[in-house]
PDB file of N, CA and C in Angstrom:
ATOM      1  N   MET A   1      -1.696  17.538  10.470  1.00  0.00           N
ATOM      2  CA  MET A   1      -2.407  16.397  10.402  1.00  0.00           C
ATOM      3  C   MET A   1      -1.547  15.233   9.631  1.00  0.00           C
ATOM      4  N   LYS A   2      -1.287  14.113  10.158  1.00  0.00           N
ATOM      5  CA  LYS A   2      -0.509  13.106   9.480  1.00  0.00           C
ATOM      6  C   LYS A   2      -1.427  11.943   9.088  1.00  0.00           C
ATOM      7  N   ALA A   3      -1.154  11.297   7.983  1.00  0.00           N
ATOM      8  CA  ALA A   3      -1.854  10.303   7.293  1.00  0.00           C
ATOM      9  C   ALA A   3      -0.827   9.160   6.782  1.00  0.00           C
ATOM     10  N   ARG A   4      -1.439   7.874   6.734  1.00  0.00           N
ATOM     11  CA  ARG A   4      -0.684   6.803   6.063  1.00  0.00           C
ATOM     12  C   ARG A   4      -1.493   6.315   5.077  1.00  0.00           C
ATOM     13  N   VAL A   5      -0.992   6.153   3.881  1.00  0.00           N
ATOM     14  CA  VAL A   5      -1.812   5.457   2.725  1.00  0.00           C
ATOM     15  C   VAL A   5      -0.845   4.281   2.283  1.00  0.00           C
ATOM     16  N   THR A   6      -1.654   3.090   2.432  1.00  0.00           N
ATOM     17  CA  THR A   6      -1.004   1.832   1.910  1.00  0.00           C
ATOM     18  C   THR A   6      -1.725   1.353   0.794  1.00  0.00           C
ATOM     19  N   VAL A   7      -0.905   1.086  -0.255  1.00  0.00           N
ATOM     20  CA  VAL A   7      -1.307   0.636  -1.567  1.00  0.00           C
ATOM     21  C   VAL A   7      -0.783  -0.719  -1.693  1.00  0.00           C
ATOM     22  N   THR A   8      -1.592  -1.608  -2.152  1.00  0.00           N
ATOM     23  CA  THR A   8      -1.126  -3.122  -2.405  1.00  0.00           C
ATOM     24  C   THR A   8      -1.873  -3.556  -3.731  1.00  0.00           C
ATOM     25  N   LEU A   9      -1.277  -4.750  -4.354  1.00  0.00           N
ATOM     26  CA  LEU A   9      -1.821  -4.987  -5.512  1.00  0.00           C
ATOM     27  C   LEU A   9      -3.176  -5.949  -5.107  1.00  0.00           C
ATOM     28  N   LYS A  10      -4.016  -5.883  -5.921  1.00  0.00           N
ATOM     29  CA  LYS A  10      -5.332  -6.604  -5.677  1.00  0.00           C
ATOM     30  C   LYS A  10      -5.121  -8.022  -5.660  1.00  0.00           C
ATOM     31  N   ASN A  11      -5.909  -8.694  -4.948  1.00  0.00           N
ATOM     32  CA  ASN A  11      -5.831 -10.147  -5.049  1.00  0.00           C
ATOM     33  C   ASN A  11      -6.171 -10.718  -6.394  1.00  0.00           C
ATOM     34  N   GLY A  12      -5.286 -11.725  -6.883  1.00  0.00           N
ATOM     35  CA  GLY A  12      -5.414 -12.135  -8.319  1.00  0.00           C
ATOM     36  C   GLY A  12      -4.414 -11.547  -9.333  1.00  0.00           C
ATOM     37  N   VAL A  13      -3.790 -10.364  -8.817  1.00  0.00           N
ATOM     38  CA  VAL A  13      -2.792  -9.707  -9.590  1.00  0.00           C
ATOM     39  C   VAL A  13      -1.487 -10.233  -9.318  1.00  0.00           C
ATOM     40  N   LEU A  14      -0.821 -10.896 -10.254  1.00  0.00           N
ATOM     41  CA  LEU A  14       0.501 -11.456 -10.202  1.00  0.00           C
ATOM     42  C   LEU A  14       1.471 -10.522  -9.540  1.00  0.00           C
ATOM     43  N   ASP A  15       2.362 -11.021  -8.629  1.00  0.00           N
ATOM     44  CA  ASP A  15       3.213 -10.200  -7.846  1.00  0.00           C
ATOM     45  C   ASP A  15       4.662 -10.573  -7.899  1.00  0.00           C
ATOM     46  N   PRO A  16       5.274 -10.392  -9.102  1.00  0.00           N
ATOM     47  CA  PRO A  16       6.587 -10.886  -9.274  1.00  0.00           C
ATOM     48  C   PRO A  16       7.617 -10.492  -8.131  1.00  0.00           C
ATOM     49  N   GLN A  17       7.637  -9.307  -7.521  1.00  0.00           N
ATOM     50  CA  GLN A  17       8.555  -8.997  -6.458  1.00  0.00           C
ATOM     51  C   GLN A  17       8.078  -9.770  -5.151  1.00  0.00           C
ATOM     52  N   GLY A  18       6.881 -10.009  -4.896  1.00  0.00           N
ATOM     53  CA  GLY A  18       6.469 -10.887  -3.678  1.00  0.00           C
ATOM     54  C   GLY A  18       7.225 -12.237  -3.989  1.00  0.00           C
ATOM     55  N   LYS A  19       7.064 -12.748  -5.213  1.00  0.00           N
ATOM     56  CA  LYS A  19       7.560 -14.200  -5.576  1.00  0.00           C
ATOM     57  C   LYS A  19       9.200 -14.116  -5.392  1.00  0.00           C
ATOM     58  N   ALA A  20       9.755 -13.019  -5.654  1.00  0.00           N
ATOM     59  CA  ALA A  20      11.335 -12.962  -5.550  1.00  0.00           C
ATOM     60  C   ALA A  20      11.541 -12.929  -4.187  1.00  0.00           C
ATOM     61  N   ILE A  21      10.725 -12.220  -3.372  1.00  0.00           N
ATOM     62  CA  ILE A  21      11.065 -11.997  -1.872  1.00  0.00           C
ATOM     63  C   ILE A  21      10.919 -13.388  -1.091  1.00  0.00           C
ATOM     64  N   VAL A  22       9.954 -14.445  -1.637  1.00  0.00           N
ATOM     65  CA  VAL A  22       9.751 -15.527  -1.126  1.00  0.00           C
ATOM     66  C   VAL A  22      10.945 -16.381  -1.307  1.00  0.00           C
ATOM     67  N   GLY A  23      11.296 -16.271  -2.507  1.00  0.00           N
ATOM     68  CA  GLY A  23      12.625 -17.031  -3.009  1.00  0.00           C
ATOM     69  C   GLY A  23      13.887 -16.606  -2.257  1.00  0.00           C
ATOM     70  N   ALA A  24      14.142 -15.319  -1.856  1.00  0.00           N
ATOM     71  CA  ALA A  24      15.164 -14.803  -1.261  1.00  0.00           C
ATOM     72  C   ALA A  24      15.123 -15.247   0.152  1.00  0.00           C
ATOM     73  N   LEU A  25      14.014 -15.117   0.766  1.00  0.00           N
ATOM     74  CA  LEU A  25      13.813 -15.489   2.200  1.00  0.00           C
ATOM     75  C   LEU A  25      14.266 -16.826   2.326  1.00  0.00           C
ATOM     76  N   GLY A  26      13.639 -17.834   1.421  1.00  0.00           N
ATOM     77  CA  GLY A  26      13.891 -19.252   1.432  1.00  0.00           C
ATOM     78  C   GLY A  26      15.471 -19.501   1.350  1.00  0.00           C
ATOM     79  N   SER A  27      16.094 -18.675   0.551  1.00  0.00           N
ATOM     80  CA  SER A  27      17.655 -18.911   0.338  1.00  0.00           C
ATOM     81  C   SER A  27      18.394 -18.394   1.609  1.00  0.00           C
ATOM     82  N   LEU A  28      17.633 -17.587   2.406  1.00  0.00           N
ATOM     83  CA  LEU A  28      18.381 -17.038   3.602  1.00  0.00           C
ATOM     84  C   LEU A  28      18.063 -18.045   4.805  1.00  0.00           C
ATOM     85  N   GLY A  29      17.193 -19.007   4.447  1.00  0.00           N
ATOM     86  CA  GLY A  29      16.941 -19.999   5.654  1.00  0.00           C
ATOM     87  C   GLY A  29      15.803 -19.793   6.263  1.00  0.00           C
ATOM     88  N   PHE A  30      14.735 -18.866   5.888  1.00  0.00           N
ATOM     89  CA  PHE A  30      13.489 -18.643   6.465  1.00  0.00           C
ATOM     90  C   PHE A  30      12.540 -19.645   5.918  1.00  0.00           C
ATOM     91  N   ASP A  31      12.282 -20.722   6.392  1.00  0.00           N
ATOM     92  CA  ASP A  31      11.268 -21.658   5.962  1.00  0.00           C
ATOM     93  C   ASP A  31       9.793 -21.375   6.354  1.00  0.00           C
ATOM     94  N   GLY A  32       8.789 -22.020   5.597  1.00  0.00           N
ATOM     95  CA  GLY A  32       7.354 -21.866   5.926  1.00  0.00           C
ATOM     96  C   GLY A  32       6.742 -20.556   5.470  1.00  0.00           C
ATOM     97  N   ILE A  33       7.343 -19.840   4.471  1.00  0.00           N
ATOM     98  CA  ILE A  33       6.643 -18.615   3.954  1.00  0.00           C
ATOM     99  C   ILE A  33       5.885 -19.049   2.898  1.00  0.00           C
ATOM    100  N   GLY A  34       4.511 -19.018   3.016  1.00  0.00           N
ATOM    101  CA  GLY A  34       3.718 -19.374   1.994  1.00  0.00           C
ATOM    102  C   GLY A  34       3.690 -18.317   0.777  1.00  0.00           C
ATOM    103  N   SER A  35       3.525 -17.084   1.137  1.00  0.00           N
ATOM    104  CA  SER A  35       3.461 -16.008  -0.003  1.00  0.00           C
ATOM    105  C   SER A  35       3.802 -14.708   0.590  1.00  0.00           C
ATOM    106  N   VAL A  36       4.244 -13.735  -0.298  1.00  0.00           N
ATOM    107  CA  VAL A  36       4.483 -12.476   0.174  1.00  0.00           C
ATOM    108  C   VAL A  36       3.686 -11.582  -0.765  1.00  0.00           C
ATOM    109  N   ARG A  37       3.288 -10.566  -0.335  1.00  0.00           N
ATOM    110  CA  ARG A  37       2.531  -9.440  -1.286  1.00  0.00           C
ATOM    111  C   ARG A  37       3.337  -8.182  -0.977  1.00  0.00           C
ATOM    112  N   GLN A  38       3.940  -7.654  -1.915  1.00  0.00           N
ATOM    113  CA  GLN A  38       4.559  -6.337  -1.745  1.00  0.00           C
ATOM    114  C   GLN A  38       3.665  -5.236  -2.021  1.00  0.00           C
ATOM    115  N   GLY A  39       4.015  -3.917  -1.421  1.00  0.00           N
ATOM    116  CA  GLY A  39       3.211  -2.792  -1.624  1.00  0.00           C
ATOM    117  C   GLY A  39       4.192  -1.518  -1.368  1.00  0.00           C
ATOM    118  N   LYS A  40       3.404  -0.321  -1.114  1.00  0.00           N
ATOM    119  CA  LYS A  40       3.965   0.782  -0.960  1.00  0.00           C
ATOM    120  C   LYS A  40       3.332   1.545   0.130  1.00  0.00           C
ATOM    121  N   VAL A  41       4.127   2.288   0.889  1.00  0.00           N
ATOM    122  CA  VAL A  41       3.441   3.180   1.839  1.00  0.00           C
ATOM    123  C   VAL A  41       3.770   4.629   1.634  1.00  0.00           C
ATOM    124  N   PHE A  42       2.776   5.539   1.739  1.00  0.00           N
ATOM    125  CA  PHE A  42       3.009   6.926   1.741  1.00  0.00           C
ATOM    126  C   PHE A  42       2.673   7.408   2.988  1.00  0.00           C
ATOM    127  N   ASP A  43       3.601   8.388   3.522  1.00  0.00           N
ATOM    128  CA  ASP A  43       3.201   9.188   4.846  1.00  0.00           C
ATOM    129  C   ASP A  43       3.086  10.643   4.345  1.00  0.00           C
ATOM    130  N   VAL A  44       1.852  11.047   4.666  1.00  0.00           N
ATOM    131  CA  VAL A  44       1.437  12.325   4.157  1.00  0.00           C
ATOM    132  C   VAL A  44       1.111  13.392   5.215  1.00  0.00           C
ATOM    133  N   GLU A  45       1.762  14.605   5.338  1.00  0.00           N
ATOM    134  CA  GLU A  45       1.281  15.608   6.173  1.00  0.00           C
ATOM    135  C   GLU A  45       0.486  16.504   5.577  1.00  0.00           C
ATOM    136  N   LEU A  46      -0.681  16.763   6.182  1.00  0.00           N
ATOM    137  CA  LEU A  46      -1.758  17.779   5.743  1.00  0.00           C
ATOM    138  C   LEU A  46      -1.875  18.952   6.549  1.00  0.00           C
ATOM    139  N   ASP A  47      -2.346  20.049   6.218  1.00  0.00           N
ATOM    140  CA  ASP A  47      -2.466  21.127   6.828  1.00  0.00           C
ATOM    141  C   ASP A  47      -4.027  21.114   7.525  1.00  0.00           C
ATOM    142  N   GLY A  48      -4.172  21.683   8.482  1.00  0.00           N
ATOM    143  CA  GLY A  48      -5.693  21.587   8.996  1.00  0.00           C
ATOM    144  C   GLY A  48      -5.863  20.447   9.917  1.00  0.00           C
ATOM    145  N   SER A  49      -7.234  20.438  10.523  1.00  0.00           N
ATOM    146  CA  SER A  49      -7.654  19.428  11.431  1.00  0.00           C
ATOM    147  C   SER A  49      -8.863  18.987  10.995  1.00  0.00           C
ATOM    148  N   ASP A  50      -9.430  19.027   9.846  1.00  0.00           N
ATOM    149  CA  ASP A  50     -10.627  18.671   9.391  1.00  0.00           C
ATOM    150  C   ASP A  50     -10.501  17.142   8.922  1.00  0.00           C
ATOM    151  N   LYS A  51     -10.814  16.110   9.769  1.00  0.00           N
ATOM    152  CA  LYS A  51     -10.619  14.702   9.504  1.00  0.00           C
ATOM    153  C   LYS A  51     -11.310  14.419   8.203  1.00  0.00           C
ATOM    154  N   ALA A  52     -12.745  14.828   8.085  1.00  0.00           N
ATOM    155  CA  ALA A  52     -13.471  14.289   7.087  1.00  0.00           C
ATOM    156  C   ALA A  52     -12.908  14.892   5.581  1.00  0.00           C
ATOM    157  N   GLY A  53     -12.442  16.153   5.708  1.00  0.00           N
ATOM    158  CA  GLY A  53     -11.959  16.748   4.371  1.00  0.00           C
ATOM    159  C   GLY A  53     -10.615  16.163   4.150  1.00  0.00           C
ATOM    160  N   ALA A  54      -9.872  15.755   5.181  1.00  0.00           N
ATOM    161  CA  ALA A  54      -8.545  15.311   4.819  1.00  0.00           C
ATOM    162  C   ALA A  54      -8.852  13.742   4.153  1.00  0.00           C
ATOM    163  N   GLU A  55      -9.762  13.084   4.756  1.00  0.00           N
ATOM    164  CA  GLU A  55      -9.967  11.719   4.038  1.00  0.00           C
ATOM    165  C   GLU A  55     -10.306  11.894   2.641  1.00  0.00           C
ATOM    166  N   THR A  56     -11.303  12.826   2.324  1.00  0.00           N
ATOM    167  CA  THR A  56     -11.556  13.099   1.061  1.00  0.00           C
ATOM    168  C   THR A  56     -10.489  13.399   0.151  1.00  0.00           C
ATOM    169  N   LYS A  57      -9.707  14.326   0.587  1.00  0.00           N
ATOM    170  CA  LYS A  57      -8.455  14.734  -0.196  1.00  0.00           C
ATOM    171  C   LYS A  57      -7.538  13.622  -0.427  1.00  0.00           C
ATOM    172  N   LEU A  58      -7.286  12.853   0.654  1.00  0.00           N
ATOM    173  CA  LEU A  58      -6.281  11.701   0.518  1.00  0.00           C
ATOM    174  C   LEU A  58      -6.791  10.586  -0.602  1.00  0.00           C
ATOM    175  N   LYS A  59      -8.374  10.359  -0.432  1.00  0.00           N
ATOM    176  CA  LYS A  59      -8.812   9.382  -1.298  1.00  0.00           C
ATOM    177  C   LYS A  59      -8.786   9.957  -2.907  1.00  0.00           C
ATOM    178  N   ALA A  60      -8.933  11.209  -3.009  1.00  0.00           N
ATOM    179  CA  ALA A  60      -8.686  11.803  -4.405  1.00  0.00           C
ATOM    180  C   ALA A  60      -7.306  11.699  -4.762  1.00  0.00           C
ATOM    181  N   MET A  61      -6.328  11.766  -3.967  1.00  0.00           N
ATOM    182  CA  MET A  61      -5.062  11.748  -4.265  1.00  0.00           C
ATOM    183  C   MET A  61      -4.659  10.193  -4.846  1.00  0.00           C
ATOM    184  N   CYS A  62      -5.147   9.283  -3.912  1.00  0.00           N
ATOM    185  CA  CYS A  62      -4.939   8.026  -4.340  1.00  0.00           C
ATOM    186  C   CYS A  62      -5.492   7.606  -5.842  1.00  0.00           C
ATOM    187  N   GLU A  63      -6.963   8.155  -5.918  1.00  0.00           N
ATOM    188  CA  GLU A  63      -7.540   7.778  -7.227  1.00  0.00           C
ATOM    189  C   GLU A  63      -6.774   8.396  -8.517  1.00  0.00           C
ATOM    190  N   GLN A  64      -6.277   9.582  -8.182  1.00  0.00           N
ATOM    191  CA  GLN A  64      -5.567  10.323  -9.321  1.00  0.00           C
ATOM    192  C   GLN A  64      -4.026  10.151  -9.640  1.00  0.00           C
ATOM    193  N   LEU A  65      -3.410   9.587  -8.353  1.00  0.00           N
ATOM    194  CA  LEU A  65      -1.999   9.563  -8.741  1.00  0.00           C
ATOM    195  C   LEU A  65      -1.215   8.313  -7.943  1.00  0.00           C
ATOM    196  N   LEU A  66      -1.679   8.240  -6.561  1.00  0.00           N
ATOM    197  CA  LEU A  66      -0.942   7.301  -5.653  1.00  0.00           C
ATOM    198  C   LEU A  66      -1.137   5.788  -5.853  1.00  0.00           C
ATOM    199  N   ALA A  67      -2.220   5.457  -6.605  1.00  0.00           N
ATOM    200  CA  ALA A  67      -2.532   4.191  -6.838  1.00  0.00           C
ATOM    201  C   ALA A  67      -3.061   3.956  -8.256  1.00  0.00           C
ATOM    202  N   ASN A  68      -2.681   2.845  -8.785  1.00  0.00           N
ATOM    203  CA  ASN A  68      -3.346   2.428 -10.133  1.00  0.00           C
ATOM    204  C   ASN A  68      -4.445   1.551  -9.846  1.00  0.00           C
ATOM    205  N   THR A  69      -5.771   2.158  -9.581  1.00  0.00           N
ATOM    206  CA  THR A  69      -6.807   1.502  -9.127  1.00  0.00           C
ATOM    207  C   THR A  69      -7.336   0.259 -10.090  1.00  0.00           C
ATOM    208  N   VAL A  70      -6.896   0.183 -11.095  1.00  0.00           N
ATOM    209  CA  VAL A  70      -7.135  -1.021 -11.984  1.00  0.00           C
ATOM    210  C   VAL A  70      -6.476  -2.239 -11.381  1.00  0.00           C
ATOM    211  N   ILE A  71      -5.378  -2.061 -10.846  1.00  0.00           N
ATOM    212  CA  ILE A  71      -4.679  -3.198 -10.230  1.00  0.00           C
ATOM    213  C   ILE A  71      -4.321  -3.297  -8.801  1.00  0.00           C
ATOM    214  N   GLU A  72      -4.564  -2.070  -8.221  1.00  0.00           N
ATOM    215  CA  GLU A  72      -4.114  -1.968  -6.828  1.00  0.00           C
ATOM    216  C   GLU A  72      -5.348  -1.404  -5.807  1.00  0.00           C
ATOM    217  N   ASP A  73      -5.330  -1.845  -4.700  1.00  0.00           N
ATOM    218  CA  ASP A  73      -6.072  -1.380  -3.706  1.00  0.00           C
ATOM    219  C   ASP A  73      -5.412  -0.254  -2.740  1.00  0.00           C
ATOM    220  N   TYR A  74      -6.124   0.509  -2.198  1.00  0.00           N
ATOM    221  CA  TYR A  74      -5.470   1.433  -1.066  1.00  0.00           C
ATOM    222  C   TYR A  74      -6.336   1.466   0.096  1.00  0.00           C
ATOM    223  N   SER A  75      -5.578   2.123   1.098  1.00  0.00           N
ATOM    224  CA  SER A  75      -6.368   2.330   2.455  1.00  0.00           C
ATOM    225  C   SER A  75      -5.645   3.432   2.947  1.00  0.00           C
ATOM    226  N   VAL A  76      -6.575   4.417   3.638  1.00  0.00           N
ATOM    227  CA  VAL A  76      -6.081   5.589   4.109  1.00  0.00           C
ATOM    228  C   VAL A  76      -6.329   5.549   5.854  1.00  0.00           C
ATOM    229  N   GLU A  77      -5.233   5.818   6.536  1.00  0.00           N
ATOM    230  CA  GLU A  77      -5.351   5.898   7.962  1.00  0.00           C
ATOM    231  C   GLU A  77      -4.976   7.255   8.491  1.00  0.00           C
ATOM    232  N   LEU A  78      -5.569   7.909   9.077  1.00  0.00           N
ATOM    233  CA  LEU A  78      -5.440   9.234   9.784  1.00  0.00           C
ATOM    234  C   LEU A  78      -4.684   8.863  11.155  1.00  0.00           C
ATOM    235  N   LEU A  79      -3.415   9.453  11.255  1.00  0.00           N
ATOM    236  CA  LEU A  79      -2.671   9.149  12.520  1.00  0.00           C
ATOM    237  C   LEU A  79      -2.717  10.224  13.440  1.00  0.00           C
TER     238      LEU A  79
END
């Protein structure tokens, strides 16, 4: 079973990389960019076919390692 975990900064947390991307896009001629929030994506391959168990396991992975839940949100999608 394949899953995708997306981790992004929580609203209100400063995103210096996002600001740098906005500046770079502007210098490349891309106008009208209000803001950019950067994040990270993890593609995880799990053994088995138990969807509920996979979601539980993936959420535990996020809470313990993949996301800093103080400043980041995450979402889990089974593919």
